[in-house]
Amino acid sequence: MTDLVAMMPFAEALGIEVASASSDEVRGRLAWAPERCTAGGVLHGGALISLADSVGAICAFLNLPEGANTATIESKTNFFRAVRGGDVTATSTPLHIGRSTIVAQTNLTDDKGLIGTEANLAAPGKRMLSSIAPTILARDGKLFLVVGTPGGRTIINTVLLTILNVVDFGMNVQQAIDAPRFHHQWLPDHIQHERFGLSPDTIALLKAKGHEMREVDSQGVAEGVLYDAKENVLEGGTDRRVPDGAAIGR
């Protein structure tokens, strides 16, 4: 395995290791280290791209006809999560092996499986895994509520909490957006909550049940429009967690 990395001096100098390699699948890894980081102790994007490129290149090399050479003609990497420790694993598989072009898909995963996951791999007839969830609610067949937010993996919970605040707790759209938020996504196994969003008693009770609690300054930047059929007006709500939003009109 070391011979495969040795063919690429830069990958070898960077510390990339190959765990397994065949024409069907190549697995490599790169350990987090301070000298490979950008600001804030986050593994540099260039290091991740180099890992993906190197493992993908090995996958292509192992699928070459005898005597042929290879060169990367295009590379694309999507980043889903910052890496602040542990190892990053790259898994590369061939998607297409042609006479002049080999296409390899390389999936990056951290220790918790949270950078790129198998559900996001390209395949015919599939849509990519996504947490984008702009939502339109209807009541009695008529428009009732429109809500959406940025926020990556927290999007679904932010949108859901806003809807529940309106539908189940009777808030207007601005109150629903202002209300505190929390988030859990199975892995990593902890509850993220906004500062002052949960009472000390609630946090203590959850910790007693074994939950790990993590406080964040804010979650999401929701925007919403509610249609008041009784008054025949649209009510806008903007997220005051950021200063550059506005709801114009009632």
C-alpha atoms as a PDB file:
ATOM      1  CA  MET A   1       0.000   0.000   0.000  1.00  0.00           C
ATOM      2  CA  THR A   2       2.871   2.349   0.770  1.00  0.00           C
ATOM      3  CA  ASP A   3       4.137   1.927  -2.822  1.00  0.00           C
ATOM      4  CA  LEU A   4       0.885   3.404  -4.153  1.00  0.00           C
ATOM      5  CA  VAL A   5       1.259   6.512  -2.013  1.00  0.00           C
ATOM      6  CA  ALA A   6       4.984   6.737  -2.789  1.00  0.00           C
ATOM      7  CA  MET A   7       4.087   7.295  -6.462  1.00  0.00           C
ATOM      8  CA  MET A   8       2.647  10.667  -5.332  1.00  0.00           C
ATOM      9  CA  PRO A   9       5.332  12.473  -3.285  1.00  0.00           C
ATOM     10  CA  PHE A  10       2.965  15.259  -2.218  1.00  0.00           C
ATOM     11  CA  ALA A  11       0.415  12.769  -0.835  1.00  0.00           C
ATOM     12  CA  GLU A  12       3.200  10.935   0.973  1.00  0.00           C
ATOM     13  CA  ALA A  13       4.528  14.182   2.467  1.00  0.00           C
ATOM     14  CA  LEU A  14       1.032  15.168   3.560  1.00  0.00           C
ATOM     15  CA  GLY A  15       0.678  11.929   5.531  1.00  0.00           C
ATOM     16  CA  ILE A  16      -2.006  10.191   3.467  1.00  0.00           C
ATOM     17  CA  GLU A  17      -2.176   6.446   4.121  1.00  0.00           C
ATOM     18  CA  VAL A  18      -3.855   3.749   2.021  1.00  0.00           C
ATOM     19  CA  ALA A  19      -5.690   1.112   4.068  1.00  0.00           C
ATOM     20  CA  SER A  20      -6.891  -1.089   1.205  1.00  0.00           C
ATOM     21  CA  ALA A  21      -6.768  -0.954  -2.563  1.00  0.00           C
ATOM     22  CA  SER A  22      -8.346  -2.894  -5.406  1.00  0.00           C
ATOM     23  CA  SER A  23      -9.834  -2.013  -8.764  1.00  0.00           C
ATOM     24  CA  ASP A  24     -13.286  -2.044  -7.126  1.00  0.00           C
ATOM     25  CA  GLU A  25     -12.542   0.139  -4.104  1.00  0.00           C
ATOM     26  CA  VAL A  26      -9.714   2.135  -2.576  1.00  0.00           C
ATOM     27  CA  ARG A  27      -9.720   3.326   1.027  1.00  0.00           C
ATOM     28  CA  GLY A  28      -7.309   5.893   2.410  1.00  0.00           C
ATOM     29  CA  ARG A  29      -7.120   8.111   5.464  1.00  0.00           C
ATOM     30  CA  LEU A  30      -5.607  11.306   6.737  1.00  0.00           C
ATOM     31  CA  ALA A  31      -5.175  12.099  10.423  1.00  0.00           C
ATOM     32  CA  TRP A  32      -6.037  15.510  11.844  1.00  0.00           C
ATOM     33  CA  ALA A  33      -2.927  17.407  12.881  1.00  0.00           C
ATOM     34  CA  PRO A  34      -2.344  21.047  13.896  1.00  0.00           C
ATOM     35  CA  GLU A  35       0.011  21.662  10.974  1.00  0.00           C
ATOM     36  CA  ARG A  36      -2.734  20.584   8.534  1.00  0.00           C
ATOM     37  CA  CYS A  37      -5.286  23.048   9.883  1.00  0.00           C
ATOM     38  CA  THR A  38      -6.625  26.436   8.979  1.00  0.00           C
ATOM     39  CA  ALA A  39      -7.961  28.913  11.568  1.00  0.00           C
ATOM     40  CA  GLY A  40      -9.802  27.513  14.568  1.00  0.00           C
ATOM     41  CA  GLY A  41      -8.205  24.082  14.467  1.00  0.00           C
ATOM     42  CA  VAL A  42     -10.210  23.010  11.400  1.00  0.00           C
ATOM     43  CA  LEU A  43      -8.530  20.599   8.985  1.00  0.00           C
ATOM     44  CA  HIS A  44      -7.681  22.634   5.890  1.00  0.00           C
ATOM     45  CA  GLY A  45      -9.884  22.163   2.841  1.00  0.00           C
ATOM     46  CA  GLY A  46      -6.776  21.728   0.733  1.00  0.00           C
ATOM     47  CA  ALA A  47      -5.792  18.708   2.824  1.00  0.00           C
ATOM     48  CA  LEU A  48      -9.235  17.161   2.314  1.00  0.00           C
ATOM     49  CA  ILE A  49      -9.125  17.816  -1.429  1.00  0.00           C
ATOM     50  CA  SER A  50      -5.652  16.253  -1.585  1.00  0.00           C
ATOM     51  CA  LEU A  51      -6.932  13.162   0.243  1.00  0.00           C
ATOM     52  CA  ALA A  52      -9.902  12.824  -2.117  1.00  0.00           C
ATOM     53  CA  ASP A  53      -7.758  13.451  -5.218  1.00  0.00           C
ATOM     54  CA  SER A  54      -5.050  11.024  -4.159  1.00  0.00           C
ATOM     55  CA  VAL A  55      -7.373   8.147  -3.301  1.00  0.00           C
ATOM     56  CA  GLY A  56      -9.420   8.803  -6.446  1.00  0.00           C
ATOM     57  CA  ALA A  57      -6.259   8.821  -8.540  1.00  0.00           C
ATOM     58  CA  ILE A  58      -5.220   5.447  -7.115  1.00  0.00           C
ATOM     59  CA  CYS A  59      -8.662   4.077  -7.946  1.00  0.00           C
ATOM     60  CA  ALA A  60      -8.313   5.314 -11.530  1.00  0.00           C
ATOM     61  CA  PHE A  61      -4.751   3.961 -11.777  1.00  0.00           C
ATOM     62  CA  LEU A  62      -5.854   0.490 -10.689  1.00  0.00           C
ATOM     63  CA  ASN A  63      -8.479   0.473 -13.443  1.00  0.00           C
ATOM     64  CA  LEU A  64      -6.146   1.531 -16.266  1.00  0.00           C
ATOM     65  CA  PRO A  65      -5.429  -0.780 -19.187  1.00  0.00           C
ATOM     66  CA  GLU A  66      -1.929  -2.209 -19.074  1.00  0.00           C
ATOM     67  CA  GLY A  67       0.703   0.311 -20.086  1.00  0.00           C
ATOM     68  CA  ALA A  68      -1.618   3.350 -19.911  1.00  0.00           C
ATOM     69  CA  ASN A  69      -1.013   6.471 -17.834  1.00  0.00           C
ATOM     70  CA  THR A  70      -3.463   8.676 -15.970  1.00  0.00           C
ATOM     71  CA  ALA A  71      -3.905  12.372 -15.222  1.00  0.00           C
ATOM     72  CA  THR A  72      -6.713  14.139 -13.380  1.00  0.00           C
ATOM     73  CA  ILE A  73      -8.827  16.221 -15.770  1.00  0.00           C
ATOM     74  CA  GLU A  74     -11.489  17.352 -13.282  1.00  0.00           C
ATOM     75  CA  SER A  75     -11.993  17.181  -9.521  1.00  0.00           C
ATOM     76  CA  LYS A  76     -14.928  18.308  -7.386  1.00  0.00           C
ATOM     77  CA  THR A  77     -15.232  18.085  -3.602  1.00  0.00           C
ATOM     78  CA  ASN A  78     -18.278  18.965  -1.495  1.00  0.00           C
ATOM     79  CA  PHE A  79     -17.699  19.923   2.140  1.00  0.00           C
ATOM     80  CA  PHE A  80     -20.459  19.124   4.639  1.00  0.00           C
ATOM     81  CA  ARG A  81     -18.736  19.390   7.998  1.00  0.00           C
ATOM     82  CA  ALA A  82     -15.604  20.831   9.576  1.00  0.00           C
ATOM     83  CA  VAL A  83     -13.038  18.337  10.904  1.00  0.00           C
ATOM     84  CA  ARG A  84     -11.493  19.235  14.260  1.00  0.00           C
ATOM     85  CA  GLY A  85      -9.966  15.923  15.265  1.00  0.00           C
ATOM     86  CA  GLY A  86      -9.558  12.234  14.516  1.00  0.00           C
ATOM     87  CA  ASP A  87      -9.133  10.722  11.063  1.00  0.00           C
ATOM     88  CA  VAL A  88     -10.811  11.387   7.736  1.00  0.00           C
ATOM     89  CA  THR A  89     -11.437   8.317   5.595  1.00  0.00           C
ATOM     90  CA  ALA A  90     -11.718   8.490   1.804  1.00  0.00           C
ATOM     91  CA  THR A  91     -13.441   5.682  -0.110  1.00  0.00           C
ATOM     92  CA  SER A  92     -13.172   5.739  -3.894  1.00  0.00           C
ATOM     93  CA  THR A  93     -15.079   3.532  -6.310  1.00  0.00           C
ATOM     94  CA  PRO A  94     -15.174   3.583 -10.131  1.00  0.00           C
ATOM     95  CA  LEU A  95     -18.415   4.870 -11.660  1.00  0.00           C
ATOM     96  CA  HIS A  96     -17.334   4.607 -15.292  1.00  0.00           C
ATOM     97  CA  ILE A  97     -14.383   2.909 -16.955  1.00  0.00           C
ATOM     98  CA  GLY A  98     -14.045   3.971 -20.571  1.00  0.00           C
ATOM     99  CA  ARG A  99     -11.364   3.769 -23.212  1.00  0.00           C
ATOM    100  CA  SER A 100     -10.147   7.307 -22.534  1.00  0.00           C
ATOM    101  CA  THR A 101     -11.882   8.425 -19.345  1.00  0.00           C
ATOM    102  CA  ILE A 102     -12.300   6.895 -15.897  1.00  0.00           C
ATOM    103  CA  VAL A 103     -14.776   8.473 -13.484  1.00  0.00           C
ATOM    104  CA  ALA A 104     -14.243   7.771  -9.785  1.00  0.00           C
ATOM    105  CA  GLN A 105     -16.499   8.789  -6.906  1.00  0.00           C
ATOM    106  CA  THR A 106     -14.668   9.500  -3.649  1.00  0.00           C
ATOM    107  CA  ASN A 107     -16.616   9.732  -0.410  1.00  0.00           C
ATOM    108  CA  LEU A 108     -15.125  11.477   2.630  1.00  0.00           C
ATOM    109  CA  THR A 109     -16.199  10.482   6.115  1.00  0.00           C
ATOM    110  CA  ASP A 110     -14.998  11.585   9.538  1.00  0.00           C
ATOM    111  CA  ASP A 111     -14.856   9.424  12.677  1.00  0.00           C
ATOM    112  CA  LYS A 112     -18.614   9.857  13.156  1.00  0.00           C
ATOM    113  CA  GLY A 113     -19.502   9.359   9.496  1.00  0.00           C
ATOM    114  CA  LEU A 114     -20.532  12.972   9.014  1.00  0.00           C
ATOM    115  CA  ILE A 115     -18.788  14.536   6.033  1.00  0.00           C
ATOM    116  CA  GLY A 116     -20.118  12.701   3.029  1.00  0.00           C
ATOM    117  CA  THR A 117     -22.209   9.580   3.515  1.00  0.00           C
ATOM    118  CA  GLU A 118     -23.197   6.663   1.297  1.00  0.00           C
ATOM    119  CA  ALA A 119     -26.667   8.117   0.754  1.00  0.00           C
ATOM    120  CA  ASN A 120     -25.026  11.010  -1.080  1.00  0.00           C
ATOM    121  CA  LEU A 121     -23.150   8.894  -3.606  1.00  0.00           C
ATOM    122  CA  ALA A 122     -24.127   9.420  -7.223  1.00  0.00           C
ATOM    123  CA  ALA A 123     -26.254   6.714  -8.841  1.00  0.00           C
ATOM    124  CA  PRO A 124     -28.843   6.563 -11.632  1.00  0.00           C
ATOM    125  CA  GLY A 125     -32.324   7.659 -10.572  1.00  0.00           C
ATOM    126  CA  LYS A 126     -31.193   9.016  -7.200  1.00  0.00           C
ATOM    127  CA  ARG A 127     -31.474  12.436  -5.649  1.00  0.00           C
ATOM    128  CA  MET A 128     -28.703  13.635  -3.395  1.00  0.00           C
ATOM    129  CA  LEU A 129     -29.198  13.571   0.346  1.00  0.00           C
ATOM    130  CA  SER A 130     -30.213  17.059   1.407  1.00  0.00           C
ATOM    131  CA  SER A 131     -31.654  18.775   4.446  1.00  0.00           C
ATOM    132  CA  ILE A 132     -33.036  21.673   2.365  1.00  0.00           C
ATOM    133  CA  ALA A 133     -36.666  21.872   3.429  1.00  0.00           C
ATOM    134  CA  PRO A 134     -38.571  25.009   2.368  1.00  0.00           C
ATOM    135  CA  THR A 135     -42.158  24.200   3.296  1.00  0.00           C
ATOM    136  CA  ILE A 136     -45.616  25.337   2.205  1.00  0.00           C
ATOM    137  CA  LEU A 137     -48.545  24.469   4.475  1.00  0.00           C
ATOM    138  CA  ALA A 138     -52.175  24.555   3.353  1.00  0.00           C
ATOM    139  CA  ARG A 139     -55.297  24.766   5.503  1.00  0.00           C
ATOM    140  CA  ASP A 140     -58.638  23.735   3.988  1.00  0.00           C
ATOM    141  CA  GLY A 141     -56.973  23.698   0.590  1.00  0.00           C
ATOM    142  CA  LYS A 142     -55.712  27.279   0.852  1.00  0.00           C
ATOM    143  CA  LEU A 143     -52.278  28.736   1.528  1.00  0.00           C
ATOM    144  CA  PHE A 144     -51.586  28.992   5.258  1.00  0.00           C
ATOM    145  CA  LEU A 145     -47.839  29.173   5.994  1.00  0.00           C
ATOM    146  CA  VAL A 146     -44.565  29.363   4.079  1.00  0.00           C
ATOM    147  CA  VAL A 147     -41.290  28.934   5.976  1.00  0.00           C
ATOM    148  CA  GLY A 148     -37.657  28.198   5.198  1.00  0.00           C
ATOM    149  CA  THR A 149     -34.156  28.640   6.605  1.00  0.00           C
ATOM    150  CA  PRO A 150     -30.476  28.076   5.866  1.00  0.00           C
ATOM    151  CA  GLY A 151     -28.464  26.011   8.349  1.00  0.00           C
ATOM    152  CA  GLY A 152     -27.206  22.761   6.831  1.00  0.00           C
ATOM    153  CA  ARG A 153     -28.152  19.787   8.960  1.00  0.00           C
ATOM    154  CA  THR A 154     -30.185  21.944  11.344  1.00  0.00           C
ATOM    155  CA  ILE A 155     -32.590  23.087   8.608  1.00  0.00           C
ATOM    156  CA  ILE A 156     -35.224  20.390   9.104  1.00  0.00           C
ATOM    157  CA  ASN A 157     -35.512  20.937  12.858  1.00  0.00           C
ATOM    158  CA  THR A 158     -35.575  24.735  12.519  1.00  0.00           C
ATOM    159  CA  VAL A 159     -38.399  24.561   9.967  1.00  0.00           C
ATOM    160  CA  LEU A 160     -40.289  21.963  12.019  1.00  0.00           C
ATOM    161  CA  LEU A 161     -40.037  23.957  15.247  1.00  0.00           C
ATOM    162  CA  THR A 162     -41.329  27.068  13.484  1.00  0.00           C
ATOM    163  CA  ILE A 163     -44.310  25.141  12.112  1.00  0.00           C
ATOM    164  CA  LEU A 164     -45.091  23.544  15.480  1.00  0.00           C
ATOM    165  CA  ASN A 165     -44.948  26.934  17.179  1.00  0.00           C
ATOM    166  CA  VAL A 166     -47.648  28.233  14.831  1.00  0.00           C
ATOM    167  CA  VAL A 167     -49.841  25.143  14.441  1.00  0.00           C
ATOM    168  CA  ASP A 168     -49.648  23.573  17.896  1.00  0.00           C
ATOM    169  CA  PHE A 169     -48.787  26.501  20.161  1.00  0.00           C
ATOM    170  CA  GLY A 170     -50.793  29.269  18.512  1.00  0.00           C
ATOM    171  CA  MET A 171     -47.939  31.710  17.946  1.00  0.00           C
ATOM    172  CA  ASN A 172     -47.981  34.253  15.166  1.00  0.00           C
ATOM    173  CA  VAL A 173     -45.270  33.851  12.566  1.00  0.00           C
ATOM    174  CA  GLN A 174     -42.882  36.354  14.178  1.00  0.00           C
ATOM    175  CA  GLN A 175     -43.240  34.757  17.609  1.00  0.00           C
ATOM    176  CA  ALA A 176     -42.664  31.337  16.061  1.00  0.00           C
ATOM    177  CA  ILE A 177     -39.434  32.504  14.440  1.00  0.00           C
ATOM    178  CA  ASP A 178     -38.231  34.315  17.576  1.00  0.00           C
ATOM    179  CA  ALA A 179     -38.768  31.257  19.807  1.00  0.00           C
ATOM    180  CA  PRO A 180     -35.657  29.326  20.986  1.00  0.00           C
ATOM    181  CA  ARG A 181     -34.493  26.296  19.013  1.00  0.00           C
ATOM    182  CA  PHE A 182     -32.770  22.993  19.600  1.00  0.00           C
ATOM    183  CA  HIS A 183     -31.434  20.249  17.346  1.00  0.00           C
ATOM    184  CA  HIS A 184     -30.556  16.547  17.407  1.00  0.00           C
ATOM    185  CA  GLN A 185     -29.493  14.554  14.346  1.00  0.00           C
ATOM    186  CA  TRP A 186     -28.729  11.075  15.762  1.00  0.00           C
ATOM    187  CA  LEU A 187     -25.003  11.362  15.045  1.00  0.00           C
ATOM    188  CA  PRO A 188     -23.197  13.002  16.690  1.00  0.00           C
ATOM    189  CA  ASP A 189     -25.278  11.930  19.673  1.00  0.00           C
ATOM    190  CA  HIS A 190     -25.853  15.222  21.454  1.00  0.00           C
ATOM    191  CA  ILE A 191     -28.577  17.839  21.814  1.00  0.00           C
ATOM    192  CA  GLN A 192     -27.660  21.272  20.508  1.00  0.00           C
ATOM    193  CA  HIS A 193     -29.639  24.139  22.045  1.00  0.00           C
ATOM    194  CA  GLU A 194     -29.581  27.889  21.782  1.00  0.00           C
ATOM    195  CA  ARG A 195     -28.366  29.903  24.731  1.00  0.00           C
ATOM    196  CA  PHE A 196     -31.247  30.461  27.182  1.00  0.00           C
ATOM    197  CA  GLY A 197     -33.427  28.225  24.982  1.00  0.00           C
ATOM    198  CA  LEU A 198     -33.866  25.519  27.625  1.00  0.00           C
ATOM    199  CA  SER A 199     -34.361  26.052  31.335  1.00  0.00           C
ATOM    200  CA  PRO A 200     -31.642  24.861  33.739  1.00  0.00           C
ATOM    201  CA  ASP A 201     -34.112  22.291  35.108  1.00  0.00           C
ATOM    202  CA  THR A 202     -34.775  20.887  31.629  1.00  0.00           C
ATOM    203  CA  ILE A 203     -31.059  20.676  30.868  1.00  0.00           C
ATOM    204  CA  ALA A 204     -30.424  18.921  34.198  1.00  0.00           C
ATOM    205  CA  LEU A 205     -33.215  16.398  33.546  1.00  0.00           C
ATOM    206  CA  LEU A 206     -31.897  15.622  30.066  1.00  0.00           C
ATOM    207  CA  LYS A 207     -28.351  15.184  31.373  1.00  0.00           C
ATOM    208  CA  ALA A 208     -29.681  12.837  34.059  1.00  0.00           C
ATOM    209  CA  LYS A 209     -31.114  10.681  31.261  1.00  0.00           C
ATOM    210  CA  GLY A 210     -27.672  10.491  29.651  1.00  0.00           C
ATOM    211  CA  HIS A 211     -27.996  13.212  27.023  1.00  0.00           C
ATOM    212  CA  GLU A 212     -24.966  15.291  26.123  1.00  0.00           C
ATOM    213  CA  MET A 213     -25.952  18.965  25.901  1.00  0.00           C
ATOM    214  CA  ARG A 214     -24.164  21.557  23.779  1.00  0.00           C
ATOM    215  CA  GLU A 215     -24.977  25.254  23.839  1.00  0.00           C
ATOM    216  CA  VAL A 216     -24.761  27.366  20.660  1.00  0.00           C
ATOM    217  CA  ASP A 217     -25.285  31.074  20.114  1.00  0.00           C
ATOM    218  CA  SER A 218     -27.960  30.612  17.454  1.00  0.00           C
ATOM    219  CA  GLN A 219     -29.474  28.086  15.062  1.00  0.00           C
ATOM    220  CA  GLY A 220     -30.769  28.893  11.602  1.00  0.00           C
ATOM    221  CA  VAL A 221     -32.079  32.109  10.042  1.00  0.00           C
ATOM    222  CA  ALA A 222     -35.751  31.384   9.416  1.00  0.00           C
ATOM    223  CA  GLU A 223     -38.084  33.531   7.338  1.00  0.00           C
ATOM    224  CA  GLY A 224     -41.812  32.983   7.070  1.00  0.00           C
ATOM    225  CA  VAL A 225     -45.116  34.250   5.680  1.00  0.00           C
ATOM    226  CA  LEU A 226     -48.480  33.383   7.250  1.00  0.00           C
ATOM    227  CA  TYR A 227     -51.809  33.961   5.506  1.00  0.00           C
ATOM    228  CA  ASP A 228     -54.566  35.114   7.850  1.00  0.00           C
ATOM    229  CA  ALA A 229     -57.679  34.053   5.945  1.00  0.00           C
ATOM    230  CA  LYS A 230     -60.021  35.720   8.442  1.00  0.00           C
ATOM    231  CA  GLU A 231     -58.417  39.142   7.939  1.00  0.00           C
ATOM    232  CA  ASN A 232     -57.296  38.382   4.356  1.00  0.00           C
ATOM    233  CA  VAL A 233     -53.747  39.590   5.047  1.00  0.00           C
ATOM    234  CA  LEU A 234     -50.252  38.180   4.764  1.00  0.00           C
ATOM    235  CA  GLU A 235     -48.095  38.375   7.894  1.00  0.00           C
ATOM    236  CA  GLY A 236     -44.339  38.275   7.474  1.00  0.00           C
ATOM    237  CA  GLY A 237     -41.808  37.103  10.030  1.00  0.00           C
ATOM    238  CA  THR A 238     -38.044  37.624   9.856  1.00  0.00           C
ATOM    239  CA  ASP A 239     -35.295  36.068  11.931  1.00  0.00           C
ATOM    240  CA  ARG A 240     -33.798  38.684  14.221  1.00  0.00           C
ATOM    241  CA  ARG A 241     -30.823  36.446  14.930  1.00  0.00           C
ATOM    242  CA  VAL A 242     -29.152  38.302  12.050  1.00  0.00           C
ATOM    243  CA  PRO A 243     -29.373  42.035  11.425  1.00  0.00           C
ATOM    244  CA  ASP A 244     -29.966  42.116   7.666  1.00  0.00           C
ATOM    245  CA  GLY A 245     -33.482  40.640   7.374  1.00  0.00           C
ATOM    246  CA  ALA A 246     -36.831  42.395   7.258  1.00  0.00           C
ATOM    247  CA  ALA A 247     -40.533  41.634   6.874  1.00  0.00           C
ATOM    248  CA  ILE A 248     -42.269  44.366   4.869  1.00  0.00           C
ATOM    249  CA  GLY A 249     -45.914  44.959   5.670  1.00  0.00           C
ATOM    250  CA  ARG A 250     -48.089  43.155   8.112  1.00  0.00           C
END
